[in-house]
């Protein structure tokens, strides 16, 4: 009953806003950036998602957010927190319903087949040159939630070339982790209910997920950097991977919650 209730609300809310976003994108209105964030924030409430945000989000333009990938819900969570577009796999564009939503989010669709990388990098460079914010899932796929997968450095090549006269590109590593269900820590045996990976079918997984209680999603924004701080793309990639992986390990073990409490404690007057 809970799952059906949530899905009805989610679908109704989505169908209501699709025409408005389509018009905003077609006419290139500023609303096309603000509306998705409002839409995703409402979706989080409808689906019972509690957000725990740690760290400061980069407000500079352009910014490339480099994150790990756990589930299709990552889109809703990041969409609620950031006025940005996603770098998505090319096949997502052909998915029923969700492909249309990705296009309305003004996603950059990349084909990871050999020989097409240069064209994809040029697309990302073009969007960054327009001072846009992009979100990239650097693992290249979603993980099982046990650990962060190795980051792929190929698409980060877009961060190496900054057009002359443009502002430096900011790169911010971001960790996302599904940490609690109804306030109880999510252990390894519960992660398959949230993480979507391998040959899992989307429909049954989504139906099962929305019928659960209130999940807490922890998002950690690490210190931003620029490509100029690193001698090569591989070292930049390694830095982002290390930051995200460390943040993930801390988040699923509850370390970030304790760090946050200590910081709040120091701010209280004596």
C-alpha atoms as a PDB file:
ATOM      1  CA  UNK A   1       0.000   0.000   0.000  1.00  0.00           C
ATOM      2  CA  UNK A   2       2.804   2.409   0.857  1.00  0.00           C
ATOM      3  CA  UNK A   3       4.590   1.668  -2.415  1.00  0.00           C
ATOM      4  CA  UNK A   4       1.448   2.163  -4.483  1.00  0.00           C
ATOM      5  CA  UNK A   5       0.651   5.424  -2.679  1.00  0.00           C
ATOM      6  CA  UNK A   6       4.135   6.790  -3.270  1.00  0.00           C
ATOM      7  CA  UNK A   7       4.209   5.793  -6.926  1.00  0.00           C
ATOM      8  CA  UNK A   8       0.830   7.381  -7.642  1.00  0.00           C
ATOM      9  CA  UNK A   9       1.971  10.640  -6.060  1.00  0.00           C
ATOM     10  CA  UNK A  10       5.315  10.513  -7.865  1.00  0.00           C
ATOM     11  CA  UNK A  11       3.780   9.822 -11.281  1.00  0.00           C
ATOM     12  CA  UNK A  12       1.091  12.451 -10.810  1.00  0.00           C
ATOM     13  CA  UNK A  13       3.628  15.093  -9.780  1.00  0.00           C
ATOM     14  CA  UNK A  14       5.919  14.171 -12.679  1.00  0.00           C
ATOM     15  CA  UNK A  15       3.194  14.271 -15.323  1.00  0.00           C
ATOM     16  CA  UNK A  16       2.048  17.638 -13.983  1.00  0.00           C
ATOM     17  CA  UNK A  17       5.489  19.262 -14.387  1.00  0.00           C
ATOM     18  CA  UNK A  18       6.651  17.648 -17.654  1.00  0.00           C
ATOM     19  CA  UNK A  19       4.853  20.161 -19.953  1.00  0.00           C
ATOM     20  CA  UNK A  20       6.141  23.146 -17.969  1.00  0.00           C
ATOM     21  CA  UNK A  21       9.751  21.954 -18.096  1.00  0.00           C
ATOM     22  CA  UNK A  22       9.434  21.097 -21.795  1.00  0.00           C
ATOM     23  CA  UNK A  23       8.328  24.661 -22.546  1.00  0.00           C
ATOM     24  CA  UNK A  24      11.110  26.116 -20.373  1.00  0.00           C
ATOM     25  CA  UNK A  25      13.747  24.045 -22.198  1.00  0.00           C
ATOM     26  CA  UNK A  26      12.342  24.814 -25.651  1.00  0.00           C
ATOM     27  CA  UNK A  27      12.331  28.560 -24.955  1.00  0.00           C
ATOM     28  CA  UNK A  28      15.620  28.448 -22.979  1.00  0.00           C
ATOM     29  CA  UNK A  29      14.004  30.134 -20.004  1.00  0.00           C
ATOM     30  CA  UNK A  30      15.923  30.468 -16.685  1.00  0.00           C
ATOM     31  CA  UNK A  31      13.129  28.349 -15.205  1.00  0.00           C
ATOM     32  CA  UNK A  32      14.635  25.298 -16.926  1.00  0.00           C
ATOM     33  CA  UNK A  33      17.364  25.252 -14.230  1.00  0.00           C
ATOM     34  CA  UNK A  34      15.193  26.086 -11.206  1.00  0.00           C
ATOM     35  CA  UNK A  35      12.229  23.851 -11.911  1.00  0.00           C
ATOM     36  CA  UNK A  36      14.115  20.498 -11.889  1.00  0.00           C
ATOM     37  CA  UNK A  37      15.508  21.226  -8.430  1.00  0.00           C
ATOM     38  CA  UNK A  38      12.032  22.025  -7.098  1.00  0.00           C
ATOM     39  CA  UNK A  39      10.677  18.912  -8.818  1.00  0.00           C
ATOM     40  CA  UNK A  40      13.333  16.576  -7.392  1.00  0.00           C
ATOM     41  CA  UNK A  41      13.106  18.080  -3.892  1.00  0.00           C
ATOM     42  CA  UNK A  42       9.369  17.381  -3.892  1.00  0.00           C
ATOM     43  CA  UNK A  43       9.996  13.852  -5.218  1.00  0.00           C
ATOM     44  CA  UNK A  44      12.305  13.194  -2.253  1.00  0.00           C
ATOM     45  CA  UNK A  45       9.486  14.151   0.104  1.00  0.00           C
ATOM     46  CA  UNK A  46       6.926  12.055  -1.779  1.00  0.00           C
ATOM     47  CA  UNK A  47       9.224   9.014  -1.703  1.00  0.00           C
ATOM     48  CA  UNK A  48      10.063   9.472   1.973  1.00  0.00           C
ATOM     49  CA  UNK A  49      13.754  10.225   1.414  1.00  0.00           C
ATOM     50  CA  UNK A  50      15.568  12.060   4.213  1.00  0.00           C
ATOM     51  CA  UNK A  51      18.676  13.950   3.060  1.00  0.00           C
ATOM     52  CA  UNK A  52      21.756  14.397   5.230  1.00  0.00           C
ATOM     53  CA  UNK A  53      24.097  16.880   3.556  1.00  0.00           C
ATOM     54  CA  UNK A  54      27.651  17.395   4.793  1.00  0.00           C
ATOM     55  CA  UNK A  55      30.035  19.977   3.372  1.00  0.00           C
ATOM     56  CA  UNK A  56      29.504  22.976   1.137  1.00  0.00           C
ATOM     57  CA  UNK A  57      28.326  22.785  -2.448  1.00  0.00           C
ATOM     58  CA  UNK A  58      30.336  24.706  -5.001  1.00  0.00           C
ATOM     59  CA  UNK A  59      28.408  27.707  -6.274  1.00  0.00           C
ATOM     60  CA  UNK A  60      30.992  28.600  -8.892  1.00  0.00           C
ATOM     61  CA  UNK A  61      30.372  28.238 -12.607  1.00  0.00           C
ATOM     62  CA  UNK A  62      31.418  26.081 -14.268  1.00  0.00           C
ATOM     63  CA  UNK A  63      31.641  23.196 -11.800  1.00  0.00           C
ATOM     64  CA  UNK A  64      32.001  19.501 -12.543  1.00  0.00           C
ATOM     65  CA  UNK A  65      30.676  17.367  -9.679  1.00  0.00           C
ATOM     66  CA  UNK A  66      32.378  13.954  -9.701  1.00  0.00           C
ATOM     67  CA  UNK A  67      30.416  11.351  -7.744  1.00  0.00           C
ATOM     68  CA  UNK A  68      29.999   7.654  -7.124  1.00  0.00           C
ATOM     69  CA  UNK A  69      26.841   5.919  -8.327  1.00  0.00           C
ATOM     70  CA  UNK A  70      24.573   3.677  -6.234  1.00  0.00           C
ATOM     71  CA  UNK A  71      21.065   3.757  -7.669  1.00  0.00           C
ATOM     72  CA  UNK A  72      18.608   5.447 -10.006  1.00  0.00           C
ATOM     73  CA  UNK A  73      17.519   7.401  -6.916  1.00  0.00           C
ATOM     74  CA  UNK A  74      20.867   9.217  -7.107  1.00  0.00           C
ATOM     75  CA  UNK A  75      19.322  11.328  -9.875  1.00  0.00           C
ATOM     76  CA  UNK A  76      16.508  12.497  -7.602  1.00  0.00           C
ATOM     77  CA  UNK A  77      18.852  13.175  -4.687  1.00  0.00           C
ATOM     78  CA  UNK A  78      21.415  15.172  -6.691  1.00  0.00           C
ATOM     79  CA  UNK A  79      18.644  16.893  -8.635  1.00  0.00           C
ATOM     80  CA  UNK A  80      17.183  18.130  -5.346  1.00  0.00           C
ATOM     81  CA  UNK A  81      20.529  19.528  -4.185  1.00  0.00           C
ATOM     82  CA  UNK A  82      22.142  20.945  -7.328  1.00  0.00           C
ATOM     83  CA  UNK A  83      20.999  23.141 -10.241  1.00  0.00           C
ATOM     84  CA  UNK A  84      22.933  20.975 -12.681  1.00  0.00           C
ATOM     85  CA  UNK A  85      22.649  18.519 -15.553  1.00  0.00           C
ATOM     86  CA  UNK A  86      23.887  14.938 -15.627  1.00  0.00           C
ATOM     87  CA  UNK A  87      26.437  13.147 -17.773  1.00  0.00           C
ATOM     88  CA  UNK A  88      24.525   9.947 -18.611  1.00  0.00           C
ATOM     89  CA  UNK A  89      25.096   6.808 -20.659  1.00  0.00           C
ATOM     90  CA  UNK A  90      23.809   7.073 -24.231  1.00  0.00           C
ATOM     91  CA  UNK A  91      21.341   4.201 -23.747  1.00  0.00           C
ATOM     92  CA  UNK A  92      19.514   6.168 -21.045  1.00  0.00           C
ATOM     93  CA  UNK A  93      18.167   8.486 -23.760  1.00  0.00           C
ATOM     94  CA  UNK A  94      16.181   5.581 -25.254  1.00  0.00           C
ATOM     95  CA  UNK A  95      14.669   4.379 -21.969  1.00  0.00           C
ATOM     96  CA  UNK A  96      10.874   4.743 -21.764  1.00  0.00           C
ATOM     97  CA  UNK A  97       9.753   7.608 -19.510  1.00  0.00           C
ATOM     98  CA  UNK A  98      13.091   7.993 -17.667  1.00  0.00           C
ATOM     99  CA  UNK A  99      14.849   8.810 -20.939  1.00  0.00           C
ATOM    100  CA  UNK A 100      12.422  11.672 -21.491  1.00  0.00           C
ATOM    101  CA  UNK A 101      13.055  12.944 -17.959  1.00  0.00           C
ATOM    102  CA  UNK A 102      16.816  12.811 -18.571  1.00  0.00           C
ATOM    103  CA  UNK A 103      16.406  14.896 -21.728  1.00  0.00           C
ATOM    104  CA  UNK A 104      14.282  17.448 -19.880  1.00  0.00           C
ATOM    105  CA  UNK A 105      17.095  17.650 -17.303  1.00  0.00           C
ATOM    106  CA  UNK A 106      19.330  18.648 -20.277  1.00  0.00           C
ATOM    107  CA  UNK A 107      21.615  15.681 -19.689  1.00  0.00           C
ATOM    108  CA  UNK A 108      24.755  15.080 -21.751  1.00  0.00           C
ATOM    109  CA  UNK A 109      24.522  11.588 -23.233  1.00  0.00           C
ATOM    110  CA  UNK A 110      27.845   9.844 -23.759  1.00  0.00           C
ATOM    111  CA  UNK A 111      28.640   6.739 -25.772  1.00  0.00           C
ATOM    112  CA  UNK A 112      31.445   4.798 -24.116  1.00  0.00           C
ATOM    113  CA  UNK A 113      32.248   2.698 -27.180  1.00  0.00           C
ATOM    114  CA  UNK A 114      35.827   2.950 -28.366  1.00  0.00           C
ATOM    115  CA  UNK A 115      36.314   5.645 -30.990  1.00  0.00           C
ATOM    116  CA  UNK A 116      33.561   7.938 -29.735  1.00  0.00           C
ATOM    117  CA  UNK A 117      35.288   9.306 -26.625  1.00  0.00           C
ATOM    118  CA  UNK A 118      36.631  12.439 -28.323  1.00  0.00           C
ATOM    119  CA  UNK A 119      33.178  13.519 -29.478  1.00  0.00           C
ATOM    120  CA  UNK A 120      31.742  12.969 -26.001  1.00  0.00           C
ATOM    121  CA  UNK A 121      34.552  14.985 -24.403  1.00  0.00           C
ATOM    122  CA  UNK A 122      33.861  17.823 -26.836  1.00  0.00           C
ATOM    123  CA  UNK A 123      30.198  17.837 -25.788  1.00  0.00           C
ATOM    124  CA  UNK A 124      31.143  18.093 -22.127  1.00  0.00           C
ATOM    125  CA  UNK A 125      33.709  20.825 -22.854  1.00  0.00           C
ATOM    126  CA  UNK A 126      31.094  22.781 -24.751  1.00  0.00           C
ATOM    127  CA  UNK A 127      28.673  22.678 -21.839  1.00  0.00           C
ATOM    128  CA  UNK A 128      31.363  23.628 -19.342  1.00  0.00           C
ATOM    129  CA  UNK A 129      32.522  26.467 -21.602  1.00  0.00           C
ATOM    130  CA  UNK A 130      28.981  27.845 -21.270  1.00  0.00           C
ATOM    131  CA  UNK A 131      29.591  27.967 -17.497  1.00  0.00           C
ATOM    132  CA  UNK A 132      27.139  25.194 -16.727  1.00  0.00           C
ATOM    133  CA  UNK A 133      27.284  22.740 -13.842  1.00  0.00           C
ATOM    134  CA  UNK A 134      27.489  19.033 -14.638  1.00  0.00           C
ATOM    135  CA  UNK A 135      27.261  15.899 -12.499  1.00  0.00           C
ATOM    136  CA  UNK A 136      29.381  12.939 -13.586  1.00  0.00           C
ATOM    137  CA  UNK A 137      29.238   9.394 -12.201  1.00  0.00           C
ATOM    138  CA  UNK A 138      32.905   8.541 -12.560  1.00  0.00           C
ATOM    139  CA  UNK A 139      32.588   4.792 -11.903  1.00  0.00           C
ATOM    140  CA  UNK A 140      30.814   4.418 -15.231  1.00  0.00           C
ATOM    141  CA  UNK A 141      28.113   2.224 -13.655  1.00  0.00           C
ATOM    142  CA  UNK A 142      26.284   1.767 -10.384  1.00  0.00           C
ATOM    143  CA  UNK A 143      27.882  -0.313  -7.630  1.00  0.00           C
ATOM    144  CA  UNK A 144      26.633  -2.928  -5.172  1.00  0.00           C
ATOM    145  CA  UNK A 145      27.168  -0.548  -2.256  1.00  0.00           C
ATOM    146  CA  UNK A 146      29.929  -2.533  -0.603  1.00  0.00           C
ATOM    147  CA  UNK A 147      32.616  -0.197  -1.894  1.00  0.00           C
ATOM    148  CA  UNK A 148      33.277   2.524  -4.469  1.00  0.00           C
ATOM    149  CA  UNK A 149      34.399   1.155  -7.840  1.00  0.00           C
ATOM    150  CA  UNK A 150      37.533   2.509  -9.586  1.00  0.00           C
ATOM    151  CA  UNK A 151      36.940   5.841 -11.311  1.00  0.00           C
ATOM    152  CA  UNK A 152      37.387   6.060 -15.090  1.00  0.00           C
ATOM    153  CA  UNK A 153      39.636   8.927 -16.134  1.00  0.00           C
ATOM    154  CA  UNK A 154      38.649   9.176 -19.827  1.00  0.00           C
ATOM    155  CA  UNK A 155      35.746  11.620 -19.476  1.00  0.00           C
ATOM    156  CA  UNK A 156      37.674  13.753 -16.990  1.00  0.00           C
ATOM    157  CA  UNK A 157      39.772  14.765 -19.981  1.00  0.00           C
ATOM    158  CA  UNK A 158      37.229  17.544 -20.398  1.00  0.00           C
ATOM    159  CA  UNK A 159      38.644  19.092 -17.231  1.00  0.00           C
ATOM    160  CA  UNK A 160      42.131  19.379 -18.692  1.00  0.00           C
ATOM    161  CA  UNK A 161      41.411  21.955 -21.354  1.00  0.00           C
ATOM    162  CA  UNK A 162      40.063  25.277 -20.122  1.00  0.00           C
ATOM    163  CA  UNK A 163      39.240  27.660 -22.981  1.00  0.00           C
ATOM    164  CA  UNK A 164      41.317  30.831 -23.013  1.00  0.00           C
ATOM    165  CA  UNK A 165      39.655  33.699 -21.184  1.00  0.00           C
ATOM    166  CA  UNK A 166      37.263  31.415 -19.333  1.00  0.00           C
ATOM    167  CA  UNK A 167      37.021  30.960 -15.583  1.00  0.00           C
ATOM    168  CA  UNK A 168      38.905  27.940 -14.191  1.00  0.00           C
ATOM    169  CA  UNK A 169      36.845  24.786 -14.036  1.00  0.00           C
ATOM    170  CA  UNK A 170      36.033  23.728 -10.480  1.00  0.00           C
ATOM    171  CA  UNK A 171      35.934  19.983  -9.822  1.00  0.00           C
ATOM    172  CA  UNK A 172      34.176  18.871  -6.657  1.00  0.00           C
ATOM    173  CA  UNK A 173      34.233  15.228  -5.507  1.00  0.00           C
ATOM    174  CA  UNK A 174      30.905  14.125  -4.006  1.00  0.00           C
ATOM    175  CA  UNK A 175      29.987  11.009  -2.040  1.00  0.00           C
ATOM    176  CA  UNK A 176      26.477   9.583  -1.992  1.00  0.00           C
ATOM    177  CA  UNK A 177      25.539   6.721   0.345  1.00  0.00           C
ATOM    178  CA  UNK A 178      22.285   5.113   1.490  1.00  0.00           C
ATOM    179  CA  UNK A 179      22.935   4.940   5.200  1.00  0.00           C
ATOM    180  CA  UNK A 180      19.749   4.370   7.224  1.00  0.00           C
ATOM    181  CA  UNK A 181      16.242   2.960   6.957  1.00  0.00           C
ATOM    182  CA  UNK A 182      13.787   4.352   9.499  1.00  0.00           C
ATOM    183  CA  UNK A 183      16.769   5.523  11.522  1.00  0.00           C
ATOM    184  CA  UNK A 184      18.436   2.097  11.608  1.00  0.00           C
ATOM    185  CA  UNK A 185      21.843   1.678   9.863  1.00  0.00           C
ATOM    186  CA  UNK A 186      21.635  -0.160   6.542  1.00  0.00           C
ATOM    187  CA  UNK A 187      23.881  -3.215   6.626  1.00  0.00           C
ATOM    188  CA  UNK A 188      25.246  -5.255   3.738  1.00  0.00           C
ATOM    189  CA  UNK A 189      22.168  -7.509   3.610  1.00  0.00           C
ATOM    190  CA  UNK A 190      19.881  -4.494   2.972  1.00  0.00           C
ATOM    191  CA  UNK A 191      22.014  -2.758   0.341  1.00  0.00           C
ATOM    192  CA  UNK A 192      20.539  -4.692  -2.621  1.00  0.00           C
ATOM    193  CA  UNK A 193      17.175  -3.087  -1.777  1.00  0.00           C
ATOM    194  CA  UNK A 194      18.692   0.353  -2.501  1.00  0.00           C
ATOM    195  CA  UNK A 195      21.663  -0.197  -4.821  1.00  0.00           C
ATOM    196  CA  UNK A 196      20.695  -1.089  -8.384  1.00  0.00           C
ATOM    197  CA  UNK A 197      23.418  -2.967 -10.240  1.00  0.00           C
ATOM    198  CA  UNK A 198      24.288  -5.934 -12.428  1.00  0.00           C
ATOM    199  CA  UNK A 199      21.320  -7.578 -14.150  1.00  0.00           C
ATOM    200  CA  UNK A 200      18.665  -6.336 -11.704  1.00  0.00           C
ATOM    201  CA  UNK A 201      15.383  -5.476 -13.425  1.00  0.00           C
ATOM    202  CA  UNK A 202      14.281  -1.897 -12.868  1.00  0.00           C
ATOM    203  CA  UNK A 203      10.539  -2.462 -12.397  1.00  0.00           C
ATOM    204  CA  UNK A 204      10.614  -5.078  -9.607  1.00  0.00           C
ATOM    205  CA  UNK A 205      13.491  -3.282  -7.869  1.00  0.00           C
ATOM    206  CA  UNK A 206      11.676   0.060  -7.898  1.00  0.00           C
ATOM    207  CA  UNK A 207       8.422  -1.487  -6.660  1.00  0.00           C
ATOM    208  CA  UNK A 208      10.224  -3.110  -3.749  1.00  0.00           C
ATOM    209  CA  UNK A 209      12.180   0.044  -2.917  1.00  0.00           C
ATOM    210  CA  UNK A 210       9.242   2.450  -2.746  1.00  0.00           C
ATOM    211  CA  UNK A 211       7.436   0.082  -0.383  1.00  0.00           C
ATOM    212  CA  UNK A 212      10.135   0.381   2.278  1.00  0.00           C
ATOM    213  CA  UNK A 213      10.153   2.948   5.090  1.00  0.00           C
ATOM    214  CA  UNK A 214      12.074   6.251   5.173  1.00  0.00           C
ATOM    215  CA  UNK A 215      15.622   5.904   3.838  1.00  0.00           C
ATOM    216  CA  UNK A 216      18.329   8.387   4.808  1.00  0.00           C
ATOM    217  CA  UNK A 217      20.716   9.348   2.038  1.00  0.00           C
ATOM    218  CA  UNK A 218      24.011  10.936   3.077  1.00  0.00           C
ATOM    219  CA  UNK A 219      25.674  13.276   0.579  1.00  0.00           C
ATOM    220  CA  UNK A 220      29.178  14.543   1.332  1.00  0.00           C
ATOM    221  CA  UNK A 221      30.582  17.484  -0.641  1.00  0.00           C
ATOM    222  CA  UNK A 222      34.370  17.332  -0.442  1.00  0.00           C
ATOM    223  CA  UNK A 223      36.761  20.246  -0.945  1.00  0.00           C
ATOM    224  CA  UNK A 224      36.701  21.458  -4.571  1.00  0.00           C
ATOM    225  CA  UNK A 225      39.865  21.480  -6.679  1.00  0.00           C
ATOM    226  CA  UNK A 226      40.981  22.537 -10.156  1.00  0.00           C
ATOM    227  CA  UNK A 227      42.785  20.537 -12.820  1.00  0.00           C
ATOM    228  CA  UNK A 228      45.793  22.893 -12.552  1.00  0.00           C
ATOM    229  CA  UNK A 229      46.541  21.474  -9.104  1.00  0.00           C
ATOM    230  CA  UNK A 230      47.419  18.070 -10.578  1.00  0.00           C
ATOM    231  CA  UNK A 231      50.168  17.105 -13.034  1.00  0.00           C
ATOM    232  CA  UNK A 232      47.916  14.723 -14.975  1.00  0.00           C
ATOM    233  CA  UNK A 233      44.332  13.636 -15.489  1.00  0.00           C
ATOM    234  CA  UNK A 234      45.055  10.296 -13.828  1.00  0.00           C
ATOM    235  CA  UNK A 235      46.216  11.995 -10.642  1.00  0.00           C
ATOM    236  CA  UNK A 236      43.136  14.214 -10.644  1.00  0.00           C
ATOM    237  CA  UNK A 237      40.975  11.105 -11.070  1.00  0.00           C
ATOM    238  CA  UNK A 238      42.849   9.303  -8.284  1.00  0.00           C
ATOM    239  CA  UNK A 239      42.317  12.265  -5.952  1.00  0.00           C
ATOM    240  CA  UNK A 240      38.573  12.328  -6.625  1.00  0.00           C
ATOM    241  CA  UNK A 241      38.294   8.568  -6.212  1.00  0.00           C
ATOM    242  CA  UNK A 242      40.157   8.623  -2.906  1.00  0.00           C
ATOM    243  CA  UNK A 243      38.048  11.461  -1.513  1.00  0.00           C
ATOM    244  CA  UNK A 244      34.769   9.836  -2.550  1.00  0.00           C
ATOM    245  CA  UNK A 245      35.787   6.351  -1.367  1.00  0.00           C
ATOM    246  CA  UNK A 246      36.915   7.650   2.029  1.00  0.00           C
ATOM    247  CA  UNK A 247      33.703   9.615   2.390  1.00  0.00           C
ATOM    248  CA  UNK A 248      31.674   6.532   1.462  1.00  0.00           C
ATOM    249  CA  UNK A 249      33.418   4.340   4.030  1.00  0.00           C
ATOM    250  CA  UNK A 250      32.855   7.012   6.694  1.00  0.00           C
ATOM    251  CA  UNK A 251      29.205   7.506   5.736  1.00  0.00           C
ATOM    252  CA  UNK A 252      28.139   3.841   5.834  1.00  0.00           C
ATOM    253  CA  UNK A 253      29.995   3.333   9.123  1.00  0.00           C
ATOM    254  CA  UNK A 254      28.385   6.410  10.697  1.00  0.00           C
ATOM    255  CA  UNK A 255      31.638   8.351  11.079  1.00  0.00           C
ATOM    256  CA  UNK A 256      30.315  11.434   9.280  1.00  0.00           C
ATOM    257  CA  UNK A 257      27.380  11.669  11.675  1.00  0.00           C
ATOM    258  CA  UNK A 258      29.781  11.812  14.635  1.00  0.00           C
ATOM    259  CA  UNK A 259      31.982  14.386  12.896  1.00  0.00           C
ATOM    260  CA  UNK A 260      28.939  16.544  12.229  1.00  0.00           C
ATOM    261  CA  UNK A 261      27.844  16.386  15.875  1.00  0.00           C
ATOM    262  CA  UNK A 262      31.316  17.386  17.042  1.00  0.00           C
ATOM    263  CA  UNK A 263      31.301  20.383  14.682  1.00  0.00           C
ATOM    264  CA  UNK A 264      27.883  21.497  15.900  1.00  0.00           C
ATOM    265  CA  UNK A 265      29.077  21.080  19.476  1.00  0.00           C
ATOM    266  CA  UNK A 266      32.003  23.426  18.900  1.00  0.00           C
ATOM    267  CA  UNK A 267      29.660  26.100  17.554  1.00  0.00           C
ATOM    268  CA  UNK A 268      27.547  26.219  20.696  1.00  0.00           C
ATOM    269  CA  UNK A 269      28.296  29.077  23.093  1.00  0.00           C
ATOM    270  CA  UNK A 270      30.164  28.133  26.273  1.00  0.00           C
END
